[in-house]
C-alpha atoms as a PDB file:
ATOM      1  CA  UNK A   1     115.130  89.288 116.669  1.00  0.00           C
ATOM      2  CA  UNK A   2     113.081  86.614 118.256  1.00  0.00           C
ATOM      3  CA  UNK A   3     113.092  83.071 116.828  1.00  0.00           C
ATOM      4  CA  UNK A   4     110.890  82.860 113.733  1.00  0.00           C
ATOM      5  CA  UNK A   5     110.166  80.162 111.034  1.00  0.00           C
ATOM      6  CA  UNK A   6     110.814  81.609 107.367  1.00  0.00           C
ATOM      7  CA  UNK A   7     108.510  80.213 104.515  1.00  0.00           C
ATOM      8  CA  UNK A   8     108.548  81.016 100.871  1.00  0.00           C
ATOM      9  CA  UNK A   9     105.130  79.767  99.278  1.00  0.00           C
ATOM     10  CA  UNK A  10     105.085  79.284  95.483  1.00  0.00           C
ATOM     11  CA  UNK A  11     101.220  80.103  95.584  1.00  0.00           C
ATOM     12  CA  UNK A  12      98.469  82.128  97.306  1.00  0.00           C
ATOM     13  CA  UNK A  13      96.606  79.184  98.447  1.00  0.00           C
ATOM     14  CA  UNK A  14      99.987  77.838  99.888  1.00  0.00           C
ATOM     15  CA  UNK A  15     100.767  81.064 101.687  1.00  0.00           C
ATOM     16  CA  UNK A  16      97.044  81.144 103.082  1.00  0.00           C
ATOM     17  CA  UNK A  17      97.475  77.558 104.530  1.00  0.00           C
ATOM     18  CA  UNK A  18     100.834  78.477 105.989  1.00  0.00           C
ATOM     19  CA  UNK A  19      99.266  81.395 107.777  1.00  0.00           C
ATOM     20  CA  UNK A  20      96.295  79.199 109.159  1.00  0.00           C
ATOM     21  CA  UNK A  21      98.919  76.881 110.723  1.00  0.00           C
ATOM     22  CA  UNK A  22     100.978  79.365 112.530  1.00  0.00           C
ATOM     23  CA  UNK A  23     100.183  80.569 115.849  1.00  0.00           C
ATOM     24  CA  UNK A  24     101.233  84.016 115.336  1.00  0.00           C
ATOM     25  CA  UNK A  25     102.061  84.212 111.674  1.00  0.00           C
ATOM     26  CA  UNK A  26     102.906  87.224 109.709  1.00  0.00           C
ATOM     27  CA  UNK A  27     102.844  87.900 105.701  1.00  0.00           C
ATOM     28  CA  UNK A  28     106.145  89.584 104.480  1.00  0.00           C
ATOM     29  CA  UNK A  29     105.740  91.731 101.383  1.00  0.00           C
ATOM     30  CA  UNK A  30     108.544  94.118 100.679  1.00  0.00           C
ATOM     31  CA  UNK A  31     109.648  93.955 104.451  1.00  0.00           C
ATOM     32  CA  UNK A  32     109.743  97.875 105.266  1.00  0.00           C
ATOM     33  CA  UNK A  33     107.120  97.662 108.128  1.00  0.00           C
ATOM     34  CA  UNK A  34     107.706  94.109 109.523  1.00  0.00           C
ATOM     35  CA  UNK A  35     111.373  93.673 109.480  1.00  0.00           C
ATOM     36  CA  UNK A  36     111.983  96.838 111.494  1.00  0.00           C
ATOM     37  CA  UNK A  37     109.563  96.332 114.117  1.00  0.00           C
ATOM     38  CA  UNK A  38     110.753  92.680 114.353  1.00  0.00           C
ATOM     39  CA  UNK A  39     114.545  94.087 114.963  1.00  0.00           C
ATOM     40  CA  UNK A  40     113.031  96.434 117.498  1.00  0.00           C
ATOM     41  CA  UNK A  41     111.536  93.491 119.161  1.00  0.00           C
ATOM     42  CA  UNK A  42     107.939  94.790 118.834  1.00  0.00           C
ATOM     43  CA  UNK A  43     106.695  91.826 116.820  1.00  0.00           C
ATOM     44  CA  UNK A  44     107.700  88.327 117.520  1.00  0.00           C
ATOM     45  CA  UNK A  45     105.585  86.333 114.625  1.00  0.00           C
ATOM     46  CA  UNK A  46     106.038  82.520 114.756  1.00  0.00           C
ATOM     47  CA  UNK A  47     106.033  82.427 111.188  1.00  0.00           C
ATOM     48  CA  UNK A  48     107.140  84.773 108.472  1.00  0.00           C
ATOM     49  CA  UNK A  49     105.370  84.016 105.203  1.00  0.00           C
ATOM     50  CA  UNK A  50     107.234  85.982 102.226  1.00  0.00           C
ATOM     51  CA  UNK A  51     104.636  86.519  99.401  1.00  0.00           C
ATOM     52  CA  UNK A  52     107.293  88.102  96.988  1.00  0.00           C
ATOM     53  CA  UNK A  53     107.967  85.009  95.076  1.00  0.00           C
ATOM     54  CA  UNK A  54     104.285  84.508  94.094  1.00  0.00           C
ATOM     55  CA  UNK A  55     104.124  84.834  90.326  1.00  0.00           C
ATOM     56  CA  UNK A  56     100.343  85.530  90.581  1.00  0.00           C
ATOM     57  CA  UNK A  57     100.935  88.375  92.719  1.00  0.00           C
ATOM     58  CA  UNK A  58     103.451  90.207  90.408  1.00  0.00           C
ATOM     59  CA  UNK A  59     102.275  92.224  87.332  1.00  0.00           C
ATOM     60  CA  UNK A  60     100.351  95.044  85.659  1.00  0.00           C
ATOM     61  CA  UNK A  61      97.568  95.018  83.220  1.00  0.00           C
ATOM     62  CA  UNK A  62      95.661  98.028  81.485  1.00  0.00           C
ATOM     63  CA  UNK A  63      92.557  97.975  79.701  1.00  0.00           C
ATOM     64  CA  UNK A  64      90.699 101.064  78.238  1.00  0.00           C
ATOM     65  CA  UNK A  65      88.957 101.765  81.578  1.00  0.00           C
ATOM     66  CA  UNK A  66      91.157 100.245  84.157  1.00  0.00           C
ATOM     67  CA  UNK A  67      94.659  99.875  85.441  1.00  0.00           C
ATOM     68  CA  UNK A  68      95.316  96.977  87.721  1.00  0.00           C
ATOM     69  CA  UNK A  69      98.666  96.369  89.409  1.00  0.00           C
ATOM     70  CA  UNK A  70      99.056  93.245  91.414  1.00  0.00           C
ATOM     71  CA  UNK A  71      99.962  93.256  95.185  1.00  0.00           C
ATOM     72  CA  UNK A  72     103.754  92.240  95.174  1.00  0.00           C
ATOM     73  CA  UNK A  73     104.644  94.283  92.094  1.00  0.00           C
ATOM     74  CA  UNK A  74     107.883  96.324  93.158  1.00  0.00           C
ATOM     75  CA  UNK A  75     107.788  99.997  93.166  1.00  0.00           C
ATOM     76  CA  UNK A  76     110.241 100.147  90.449  1.00  0.00           C
ATOM     77  CA  UNK A  77     108.325  98.028  88.041  1.00  0.00           C
ATOM     78  CA  UNK A  78     105.328 100.419  88.398  1.00  0.00           C
ATOM     79  CA  UNK A  79     107.442 103.788  88.106  1.00  0.00           C
ATOM     80  CA  UNK A  80     108.870 102.197  84.626  1.00  0.00           C
ATOM     81  CA  UNK A  81     105.662 100.375  83.415  1.00  0.00           C
ATOM     82  CA  UNK A  82     104.560 101.813  80.090  1.00  0.00           C
ATOM     83  CA  UNK A  83     101.036 100.884  80.819  1.00  0.00           C
ATOM     84  CA  UNK A  84     101.122 102.913  84.119  1.00  0.00           C
ATOM     85  CA  UNK A  85     102.895 105.940  82.498  1.00  0.00           C
ATOM     86  CA  UNK A  86     100.439 105.991  79.529  1.00  0.00           C
ATOM     87  CA  UNK A  87      97.208 105.486  81.655  1.00  0.00           C
ATOM     88  CA  UNK A  88      97.988 107.194  85.093  1.00  0.00           C
ATOM     89  CA  UNK A  89     101.221 108.990  84.993  1.00  0.00           C
ATOM     90  CA  UNK A  90     100.575 110.410  88.614  1.00  0.00           C
ATOM     91  CA  UNK A  91     100.937 106.986  90.012  1.00  0.00           C
ATOM     92  CA  UNK A  92     104.250 106.759  88.299  1.00  0.00           C
ATOM     93  CA  UNK A  93     105.233 110.109  89.436  1.00  0.00           C
ATOM     94  CA  UNK A  94     104.064 109.134  93.166  1.00  0.00           C
ATOM     95  CA  UNK A  95     106.020 105.951  92.919  1.00  0.00           C
ATOM     96  CA  UNK A  96     109.335 107.626  91.742  1.00  0.00           C
ATOM     97  CA  UNK A  97     109.213 109.781  95.093  1.00  0.00           C
ATOM     98  CA  UNK A  98     109.177 106.766  97.495  1.00  0.00           C
ATOM     99  CA  UNK A  99     112.337 106.186  99.590  1.00  0.00           C
ATOM    100  CA  UNK A 100     115.493 105.831  97.526  1.00  0.00           C
ATOM    101  CA  UNK A 101     116.589 103.159  94.743  1.00  0.00           C
ATOM    102  CA  UNK A 102     116.824 100.409  97.312  1.00  0.00           C
ATOM    103  CA  UNK A 103     113.270 101.101  98.623  1.00  0.00           C
ATOM    104  CA  UNK A 104     111.995 101.070  95.125  1.00  0.00           C
ATOM    105  CA  UNK A 105     113.332  97.888  94.122  1.00  0.00           C
ATOM    106  CA  UNK A 106     111.819  96.079  97.086  1.00  0.00           C
ATOM    107  CA  UNK A 107     108.858  97.841  98.265  1.00  0.00           C
ATOM    108  CA  UNK A 108     105.459  96.716  97.002  1.00  0.00           C
ATOM    109  CA  UNK A 109     102.102  98.405  96.445  1.00  0.00           C
ATOM    110  CA  UNK A 110     100.316  95.725  98.800  1.00  0.00           C
ATOM    111  CA  UNK A 111     102.619  96.313 101.505  1.00  0.00           C
ATOM    112  CA  UNK A 112     102.252  99.929 101.250  1.00  0.00           C
ATOM    113  CA  UNK A 113      98.327  99.790 101.739  1.00  0.00           C
ATOM    114  CA  UNK A 114      98.085  96.860 104.081  1.00  0.00           C
ATOM    115  CA  UNK A 115      98.857  98.902 107.480  1.00  0.00           C
ATOM    116  CA  UNK A 116      97.300 102.167 106.436  1.00  0.00           C
ATOM    117  CA  UNK A 117     100.702 103.889 107.729  1.00  0.00           C
ATOM    118  CA  UNK A 118      99.581 107.643 108.348  1.00  0.00           C
ATOM    119  CA  UNK A 119     102.608 108.630 106.129  1.00  0.00           C
ATOM    120  CA  UNK A 120     102.442 106.197 103.271  1.00  0.00           C
ATOM    121  CA  UNK A 121     101.824 107.469  99.749  1.00  0.00           C
ATOM    122  CA  UNK A 122      99.791 104.958  97.876  1.00  0.00           C
ATOM    123  CA  UNK A 123      96.758 105.103 100.218  1.00  0.00           C
ATOM    124  CA  UNK A 124      95.999 108.593  98.977  1.00  0.00           C
ATOM    125  CA  UNK A 125      96.205 107.225  95.187  1.00  0.00           C
ATOM    126  CA  UNK A 126      93.655 104.532  96.162  1.00  0.00           C
ATOM    127  CA  UNK A 127      91.323 107.024  97.868  1.00  0.00           C
ATOM    128  CA  UNK A 128      91.287 109.726  95.429  1.00  0.00           C
ATOM    129  CA  UNK A 129      90.983 107.375  92.325  1.00  0.00           C
ATOM    130  CA  UNK A 130      88.284 105.415  94.247  1.00  0.00           C
ATOM    131  CA  UNK A 131      90.308 102.179  93.649  1.00  0.00           C
ATOM    132  CA  UNK A 132      89.274  98.549  94.356  1.00  0.00           C
ATOM    133  CA  UNK A 133      91.352  96.260  96.624  1.00  0.00           C
ATOM    134  CA  UNK A 134      91.073  92.794  95.659  1.00  0.00           C
ATOM    135  CA  UNK A 135      92.086  90.041  98.170  1.00  0.00           C
ATOM    136  CA  UNK A 136      91.972  86.306  97.953  1.00  0.00           C
ATOM    137  CA  UNK A 137      88.315  86.280  99.380  1.00  0.00           C
ATOM    138  CA  UNK A 138      86.552  89.361  98.237  1.00  0.00           C
ATOM    139  CA  UNK A 139      86.831  92.981  96.466  1.00  0.00           C
ATOM    140  CA  UNK A 140      86.883  96.193  98.927  1.00  0.00           C
ATOM    141  CA  UNK A 141      86.288  99.550  97.611  1.00  0.00           C
ATOM    142  CA  UNK A 142      88.959 102.064  98.901  1.00  0.00           C
ATOM    143  CA  UNK A 143      86.323 103.916 100.740  1.00  0.00           C
ATOM    144  CA  UNK A 144      85.627 100.998 102.900  1.00  0.00           C
ATOM    145  CA  UNK A 145      89.367  99.511 102.934  1.00  0.00           C
ATOM    146  CA  UNK A 146      91.053 102.284 105.157  1.00  0.00           C
ATOM    147  CA  UNK A 147      89.460 102.252 108.503  1.00  0.00           C
ATOM    148  CA  UNK A 148      91.746 104.477 110.761  1.00  0.00           C
ATOM    149  CA  UNK A 149      95.259 104.925 112.087  1.00  0.00           C
ATOM    150  CA  UNK A 150      97.139 101.367 111.203  1.00  0.00           C
ATOM    151  CA  UNK A 151      93.661  99.827 110.317  1.00  0.00           C
ATOM    152  CA  UNK A 152      92.258  98.280 107.368  1.00  0.00           C
ATOM    153  CA  UNK A 153      89.148  96.301 106.704  1.00  0.00           C
ATOM    154  CA  UNK A 154      91.488  93.144 106.013  1.00  0.00           C
ATOM    155  CA  UNK A 155      90.624  90.102 108.067  1.00  0.00           C
ATOM    156  CA  UNK A 156      93.200  87.849 109.831  1.00  0.00           C
ATOM    157  CA  UNK A 157      94.863  85.999 107.314  1.00  0.00           C
ATOM    158  CA  UNK A 158      93.515  87.734 104.198  1.00  0.00           C
ATOM    159  CA  UNK A 159      96.093  88.328 101.265  1.00  0.00           C
ATOM    160  CA  UNK A 160      95.818  91.705  99.018  1.00  0.00           C
ATOM    161  CA  UNK A 161      96.102  90.339  95.369  1.00  0.00           C
ATOM    162  CA  UNK A 162      95.756  93.595  93.584  1.00  0.00           C
ATOM    163  CA  UNK A 163      94.609  97.012  93.317  1.00  0.00           C
ATOM    164  CA  UNK A 164      92.237  97.990  90.226  1.00  0.00           C
ATOM    165  CA  UNK A 165      92.215 101.879  89.404  1.00  0.00           C
ATOM    166  CA  UNK A 166      89.601 103.306  87.332  1.00  0.00           C
ATOM    167  CA  UNK A 167      91.595 105.314  84.695  1.00  0.00           C
ATOM    168  CA  UNK A 168      90.844 109.165  85.337  1.00  0.00           C
ATOM    169  CA  UNK A 169      90.519 112.177  82.945  1.00  0.00           C
ATOM    170  CA  UNK A 170      93.339 114.010  85.051  1.00  0.00           C
ATOM    171  CA  UNK A 171      95.255 113.103  88.269  1.00  0.00           C
ATOM    172  CA  UNK A 172      98.191 114.499  89.950  1.00  0.00           C
ATOM    173  CA  UNK A 173     100.157 114.100  93.297  1.00  0.00           C
ATOM    174  CA  UNK A 174     102.477 116.132  95.333  1.00  0.00           C
ATOM    175  CA  UNK A 175     104.136 115.875  98.620  1.00  0.00           C
ATOM    176  CA  UNK A 176     106.250 117.480 101.253  1.00  0.00           C
ATOM    177  CA  UNK A 177     108.946 114.865 101.975  1.00  0.00           C
ATOM    178  CA  UNK A 178     110.447 114.159 105.110  1.00  0.00           C
ATOM    179  CA  UNK A 179     114.201 115.084 104.689  1.00  0.00           C
ATOM    180  CA  UNK A 180     115.387 111.914 106.356  1.00  0.00           C
ATOM    181  CA  UNK A 181     112.759 109.189 105.647  1.00  0.00           C
ATOM    182  CA  UNK A 182     111.126 110.388 102.621  1.00  0.00           C
ATOM    183  CA  UNK A 183     107.956 109.645 103.739  1.00  0.00           C
ATOM    184  CA  UNK A 184     105.098 112.271 103.376  1.00  0.00           C
ATOM    185  CA  UNK A 185     105.081 114.974 105.827  1.00  0.00           C
ATOM    186  CA  UNK A 186     101.977 115.486 103.708  1.00  0.00           C
ATOM    187  CA  UNK A 187     100.944 114.458 100.469  1.00  0.00           C
ATOM    188  CA  UNK A 188      98.018 115.059  98.190  1.00  0.00           C
ATOM    189  CA  UNK A 189      96.517 113.199  95.183  1.00  0.00           C
ATOM    190  CA  UNK A 190      93.884 114.784  93.119  1.00  0.00           C
ATOM    191  CA  UNK A 191      91.689 113.000  90.635  1.00  0.00           C
ATOM    192  CA  UNK A 192      89.115 114.155  87.967  1.00  0.00           C
ATOM    193  CA  UNK A 193      87.035 111.165  86.763  1.00  0.00           C
ATOM    194  CA  UNK A 194      85.782 111.153  83.269  1.00  0.00           C
ATOM    195  CA  UNK A 195      82.595 111.548  84.525  1.00  0.00           C
ATOM    196  CA  UNK A 196      83.621 114.808  85.617  1.00  0.00           C
ATOM    197  CA  UNK A 197      83.589 114.098  89.449  1.00  0.00           C
ATOM    198  CA  UNK A 198      86.620 115.214  91.588  1.00  0.00           C
ATOM    199  CA  UNK A 199      88.200 113.321  94.667  1.00  0.00           C
ATOM    200  CA  UNK A 200      91.048 114.448  96.688  1.00  0.00           C
ATOM    201  CA  UNK A 201      92.896 112.610  99.323  1.00  0.00           C
ATOM    202  CA  UNK A 202      95.462 113.502 101.774  1.00  0.00           C
ATOM    203  CA  UNK A 203      98.231 111.450 103.565  1.00  0.00           C
ATOM    204  CA  UNK A 204     100.700 112.262 106.410  1.00  0.00           C
ATOM    205  CA  UNK A 205      98.192 114.978 107.679  1.00  0.00           C
ATOM    206  CA  UNK A 206      95.348 113.307 109.486  1.00  0.00           C
ATOM    207  CA  UNK A 207      95.571 111.533 113.072  1.00  0.00           C
ATOM    208  CA  UNK A 208      93.456 108.776 111.574  1.00  0.00           C
ATOM    209  CA  UNK A 209      95.637 108.084 108.440  1.00  0.00           C
ATOM    210  CA  UNK A 210      94.726 108.828 105.046  1.00  0.00           C
ATOM    211  CA  UNK A 211      91.575 111.185 104.305  1.00  0.00           C
ATOM    212  CA  UNK A 212      89.425 112.739 101.805  1.00  0.00           C
ATOM    213  CA  UNK A 213      89.471 116.573 101.641  1.00  0.00           C
ATOM    214  CA  UNK A 214      85.961 117.802 101.075  1.00  0.00           C
ATOM    215  CA  UNK A 215      86.686 121.667 100.626  1.00  0.00           C
ATOM    216  CA  UNK A 216      88.964 120.975  98.073  1.00  0.00           C
ATOM    217  CA  UNK A 217      86.876 118.697  96.018  1.00  0.00           C
ATOM    218  CA  UNK A 218      84.275 121.132  96.000  1.00  0.00           C
ATOM    219  CA  UNK A 219      86.398 123.919  94.681  1.00  0.00           C
ATOM    220  CA  UNK A 220      87.918 121.911  92.009  1.00  0.00           C
ATOM    221  CA  UNK A 221      84.563 120.517  90.895  1.00  0.00           C
ATOM    222  CA  UNK A 222      83.654 124.142  90.248  1.00  0.00           C
ATOM    223  CA  UNK A 223      87.001 125.249  88.601  1.00  0.00           C
ATOM    224  CA  UNK A 224      89.840 122.591  87.858  1.00  0.00           C
ATOM    225  CA  UNK A 225      92.691 125.128  88.582  1.00  0.00           C
ATOM    226  CA  UNK A 226      95.449 125.898  91.214  1.00  0.00           C
ATOM    227  CA  UNK A 227      93.882 129.299  91.587  1.00  0.00           C
ATOM    228  CA  UNK A 228      90.593 127.860  92.618  1.00  0.00           C
ATOM    229  CA  UNK A 229      92.090 126.880  96.011  1.00  0.00           C
ATOM    230  CA  UNK A 230      93.310 130.200  96.945  1.00  0.00           C
ATOM    231  CA  UNK A 231      90.604 131.188  99.223  1.00  0.00           C
ATOM    232  CA  UNK A 232      89.897 127.624 100.442  1.00  0.00           C
ATOM    233  CA  UNK A 233      90.792 127.275 104.160  1.00  0.00           C
ATOM    234  CA  UNK A 234      91.492 123.746 105.562  1.00  0.00           C
ATOM    235  CA  UNK A 235      90.826 123.101 109.290  1.00  0.00           C
ATOM    236  CA  UNK A 236      93.442 121.853 111.369  1.00  0.00           C
ATOM    237  CA  UNK A 237      91.022 119.607 113.564  1.00  0.00           C
ATOM    238  CA  UNK A 238      92.320 116.214 113.735  1.00  0.00           C
ATOM    239  CA  UNK A 239      95.309 116.788 111.861  1.00  0.00           C
ATOM    240  CA  UNK A 240      98.701 115.596 113.399  1.00  0.00           C
ATOM    241  CA  UNK A 241     101.145 117.922 115.331  1.00  0.00           C
ATOM    242  CA  UNK A 242     104.766 116.902 116.187  1.00  0.00           C
ATOM    243  CA  UNK A 243     108.448 118.180 116.002  1.00  0.00           C
ATOM    244  CA  UNK A 244     108.198 117.974 112.079  1.00  0.00           C
ATOM    245  CA  UNK A 245     105.072 120.418 111.760  1.00  0.00           C
ATOM    246  CA  UNK A 246     102.343 121.505 113.599  1.00  0.00           C
ATOM    247  CA  UNK A 247      98.758 120.789 112.921  1.00  0.00           C
ATOM    248  CA  UNK A 248      98.434 124.510 111.363  1.00  0.00           C
ATOM    249  CA  UNK A 249     101.465 123.758 109.135  1.00  0.00           C
ATOM    250  CA  UNK A 250     100.005 120.413 108.097  1.00  0.00           C
ATOM    251  CA  UNK A 251      96.453 122.335 107.251  1.00  0.00           C
ATOM    252  CA  UNK A 252      98.379 124.531 105.060  1.00  0.00           C
ATOM    253  CA  UNK A 253     100.325 122.023 103.402  1.00  0.00           C
ATOM    254  CA  UNK A 254      97.281 120.187 102.409  1.00  0.00           C
ATOM    255  CA  UNK A 255      96.234 123.206 100.442  1.00  0.00           C
ATOM    256  CA  UNK A 256      99.583 123.802  98.835  1.00  0.00           C
ATOM    257  CA  UNK A 257     100.160 120.307  97.983  1.00  0.00           C
ATOM    258  CA  UNK A 258      96.726 120.128  96.267  1.00  0.00           C
ATOM    259  CA  UNK A 259      97.631 123.251  93.964  1.00  0.00           C
ATOM    260  CA  UNK A 260     100.907 121.575  93.105  1.00  0.00           C
ATOM    261  CA  UNK A 261      99.133 118.369  92.275  1.00  0.00           C
ATOM    262  CA  UNK A 262      96.315 120.148  90.046  1.00  0.00           C
ATOM    263  CA  UNK A 263      99.188 121.953  88.237  1.00  0.00           C
ATOM    264  CA  UNK A 264     100.909 118.749  87.434  1.00  0.00           C
ATOM    265  CA  UNK A 265      97.691 116.985  86.428  1.00  0.00           C
ATOM    266  CA  UNK A 266      97.167 119.676  83.900  1.00  0.00           C
END
């Protein structure tokens, strides 16, 4: 790796101030994105600002209508949280499928969504649950947050502080895992709001990153059951095609994973 200066701020304001002073500063959350690209010499930040020790960025809060997970909360804490398992167990299930124990003890929800990696799991949960991303500057609806492949609405230096999820009536997540990386070859999160509206989001499939799946949403609004999707056809237009799976294969996975997610949701 290239030479860099490592910082461990104790507050959000201190982190933002350090970022503004750096010529090419980067925030570090769990490190599963930034550190590998630094090792490959694809990134050479002047300053690495570690957000993991900022107490205001760690924790989980639940109310009657909302589950809030702070940005630097490790996956393991999310997976084992009584509040998460009570209010939105699908999020705990999603987290349990992330990587391996080492990844789950280090990775964070903020780091997962900050880059809009096309195979990351949490973006699907945010989009399907109509979550709100909170930063040190503003609040951003999930529909407006994800802008395309490795692109989000975050401004330079902006820090994700928390994610708030409206508590749904039902929700489920299912994915086909890559056998080596355990990233989502295709994953689908389904959510039925207390109002009756249905939102469905897929990750690992689209060339543009996480996406809503309108045909499945329409079918599930009429009939919330796996069988309601039997006749649904998913277009492969705009879907990824690589050595792991063709666009046709991924289109079929979107449907199959949605059916499994609905079955898990009940």
